[in-house]
Amino acid sequence: MIGLTQILPKLLRANPDVAVKLAWSRAAGTALRGHAVPFRFHDGTLVISVADAIWQKQLQSMSAELMFRLNNILGQTTVDELSFRINSAAVSQAQSIPEEELPKVRPPAAPDELLFAAGTIADGELRARFIRAAENCIARRDSLIRSE
């Protein structure tokens, strides 16, 4: 299975709107995903629909952090501004989508050196487990670094 972080650079060149919306889903996380829905990406600005003025104000205060996460996932500075617009209908519609229909996102891909080293493991299942464990360790380390 190809991870989202592996296809985003190609998708960003082909369809920036879709790539940025997918990256938003990952950057926002499960806590915000149901309250902040990406609407449109144009000229470096990502417009996000929110349910009400309270969510709009709260997310505006978090916009620098969210933009950092978003550009980090995209692998380059693509989003220059986040604009939060009140559109409760769009948020309600997004909340009605069952969790199993949302795209599954894998942790960031393992570095090439790790994949090369894993290639020496003959057992395919063991190799896959080793790579998943390494990806989880890397993601955990990165999250600890970001929280400091």
Protein backbone atom coordinates (compact mmCIF):
# COMPACT_ATOMS: atom_id res chain seq x y z
CA MET A 1 0.00 0.00 0.00
CA ILE A 2 1.34 3.40 -0.97
CA GLY A 3 1.29 5.99 1.81
CA LEU A 4 -0.23 9.42 1.38
CA THR A 5 3.10 11.14 1.92
CA GLN A 6 4.55 9.25 -1.04
CA ILE A 7 1.89 10.34 -3.53
CA LEU A 8 1.34 13.92 -2.33
CA PRO A 9 4.28 15.47 -4.25
CA LYS A 10 3.03 14.04 -7.56
CA LEU A 11 -0.57 14.87 -6.74
CA LEU A 12 0.45 18.41 -5.77
CA ARG A 13 1.85 18.98 -9.26
CA ALA A 14 -1.16 17.40 -10.98
CA ASN A 15 -4.00 18.71 -8.79
CA PRO A 16 -2.98 21.09 -6.00
CA ASP A 17 -6.56 21.50 -4.73
CA VAL A 18 -6.98 17.78 -4.02
CA ALA A 19 -3.48 17.42 -2.56
CA VAL A 20 -3.96 20.30 -0.15
CA LYS A 21 -7.38 19.03 0.94
CA LEU A 22 -5.95 15.57 1.65
CA ALA A 23 -3.06 17.10 3.56
CA TRP A 24 -5.54 19.19 5.58
CA SER A 25 -7.33 16.02 6.65
CA ARG A 26 -4.06 14.72 8.07
CA ALA A 27 -2.92 18.05 9.56
CA ALA A 28 -6.25 18.72 11.27
CA GLY A 29 -6.45 15.27 12.79
CA THR A 30 -9.57 13.50 13.96
CA ALA A 31 -10.44 16.13 16.58
CA LEU A 32 -10.80 18.98 14.08
CA ARG A 33 -11.75 17.06 10.95
CA GLY A 34 -15.46 17.07 11.77
CA HIS A 35 -15.52 20.77 12.60
CA ALA A 36 -13.29 22.22 9.86
CA VAL A 37 -13.83 21.11 6.26
CA PRO A 38 -11.53 22.19 3.42
CA PHE A 39 -13.56 24.03 0.79
CA ARG A 40 -11.15 25.41 -1.82
CA PHE A 41 -7.45 26.03 -2.43
CA HIS A 42 -6.52 28.94 -4.69
CA ASP A 43 -3.40 31.13 -5.00
CA GLY A 44 -1.84 29.82 -1.79
CA THR A 45 -4.98 30.29 0.31
CA LEU A 46 -6.88 27.33 1.72
CA VAL A 47 -10.49 28.22 2.53
CA ILE A 48 -11.90 26.09 5.34
CA SER A 49 -15.59 25.83 6.22
CA VAL A 50 -16.45 25.94 9.93
CA ALA A 51 -19.79 25.62 11.71
CA ASP A 52 -19.88 28.90 13.61
CA ALA A 53 -17.99 31.99 14.78
CA ILE A 54 -16.62 30.19 17.84
CA TRP A 55 -14.84 27.59 15.68
CA GLN A 56 -13.74 30.33 13.30
CA LYS A 57 -12.07 32.32 16.09
CA GLN A 58 -10.51 29.24 17.71
CA LEU A 59 -9.02 27.97 14.46
CA GLN A 60 -7.77 31.42 13.47
CA SER A 61 -5.74 31.45 16.67
CA MET A 62 -4.26 28.07 15.66
CA SER A 63 -3.68 28.96 12.00
CA ALA A 64 0.12 29.30 12.20
CA GLU A 65 0.49 25.84 13.73
CA LEU A 66 -2.02 24.31 11.29
CA MET A 67 -0.27 25.91 8.32
CA PHE A 68 3.08 24.59 9.54
CA ARG A 69 1.67 21.06 9.83
CA LEU A 70 0.02 21.32 6.43
CA ASN A 71 3.15 22.47 4.61
CA ASN A 72 5.22 19.88 6.47
CA ILE A 73 2.93 17.11 5.21
CA LEU A 74 3.05 18.53 1.68
CA GLY A 75 6.85 18.64 1.84
CA GLN A 76 7.07 22.25 0.68
CA THR A 77 5.58 25.65 1.37
CA THR A 78 2.37 25.52 -0.63
CA VAL A 79 -0.21 27.09 1.67
CA ASP A 80 0.48 30.74 2.52
CA GLU A 81 -2.79 31.51 4.27
CA LEU A 82 -5.72 29.78 5.93
CA SER A 83 -9.12 31.44 5.68
CA PHE A 84 -11.91 30.17 7.93
CA ARG A 85 -15.43 30.83 6.60
CA ILE A 86 -18.66 30.03 8.37
CA ASN A 87 -20.60 27.41 6.39
CA SER A 88 -22.54 25.16 8.75
CA ALA A 89 -24.17 23.24 5.88
CA ALA A 90 -20.79 22.04 4.56
CA VAL A 91 -19.68 21.01 8.04
CA SER A 92 -22.94 19.14 8.68
CA GLN A 93 -22.57 17.30 5.39
CA ALA A 94 -18.99 16.29 6.23
CA GLN A 95 -20.04 15.07 9.68
CA SER A 96 -22.58 12.74 8.08
CA ILE A 97 -19.87 10.77 6.22
CA PRO A 98 -19.22 7.45 8.02
CA GLU A 99 -15.66 7.02 9.38
CA GLU A 100 -15.07 3.90 7.25
CA GLU A 101 -15.59 5.93 4.05
CA LEU A 102 -12.84 8.42 4.95
CA PRO A 103 -9.45 7.73 3.33
CA LYS A 104 -7.01 5.86 5.54
CA VAL A 105 -3.71 7.64 6.06
CA ARG A 106 -0.48 5.85 6.90
CA PRO A 107 2.30 7.34 8.98
CA PRO A 108 5.14 9.04 7.08
CA ALA A 109 7.14 6.73 4.83
CA ALA A 110 10.34 5.26 6.15
CA PRO A 111 13.61 6.82 4.96
CA ASP A 112 15.28 5.20 1.95
CA GLU A 113 18.18 3.94 4.11
CA LEU A 114 15.75 2.05 6.32
CA LEU A 115 13.94 0.53 3.34
CA PHE A 116 17.29 -0.50 1.87
CA ALA A 117 18.29 -2.17 5.14
CA ALA A 118 14.88 -3.86 5.41
CA GLY A 119 15.41 -5.29 1.93
CA THR A 120 17.93 -7.72 3.42
CA ILE A 121 15.17 -9.38 5.52
CA ALA A 122 14.12 -12.43 3.53
CA ASP A 123 10.76 -13.03 5.24
CA GLY A 124 8.24 -10.64 3.64
CA GLU A 125 5.92 -10.51 6.65
CA LEU A 126 8.79 -9.86 9.04
CA ARG A 127 10.15 -7.16 6.69
CA ALA A 128 6.73 -5.43 6.59
CA ARG A 129 6.45 -5.55 10.40
CA PHE A 130 9.95 -4.14 10.76
CA ILE A 131 9.13 -1.22 8.43
CA ARG A 132 5.82 -0.48 10.21
CA ALA A 133 7.57 -0.52 13.59
CA ALA A 134 10.28 1.80 12.31
CA GLU A 135 7.70 4.19 10.80
CA ASN A 136 5.84 4.28 14.12
CA CYS A 137 9.06 5.03 16.01
CA ILE A 138 9.94 7.82 13.57
CA ALA A 139 6.44 9.31 13.83
CA ARG A 140 6.60 9.17 17.63
CA ARG A 141 10.03 10.80 17.66
CA ASP A 142 8.87 13.54 15.28
CA SER A 143 5.78 14.24 17.37
CA LEU A 144 7.92 14.55 20.51
CA ILE A 145 10.28 16.94 18.75
CA ARG A 146 7.36 19.09 17.56
CA SER A 147 5.81 19.24 21.03
CA GLU A 148 9.02 20.59 22.65
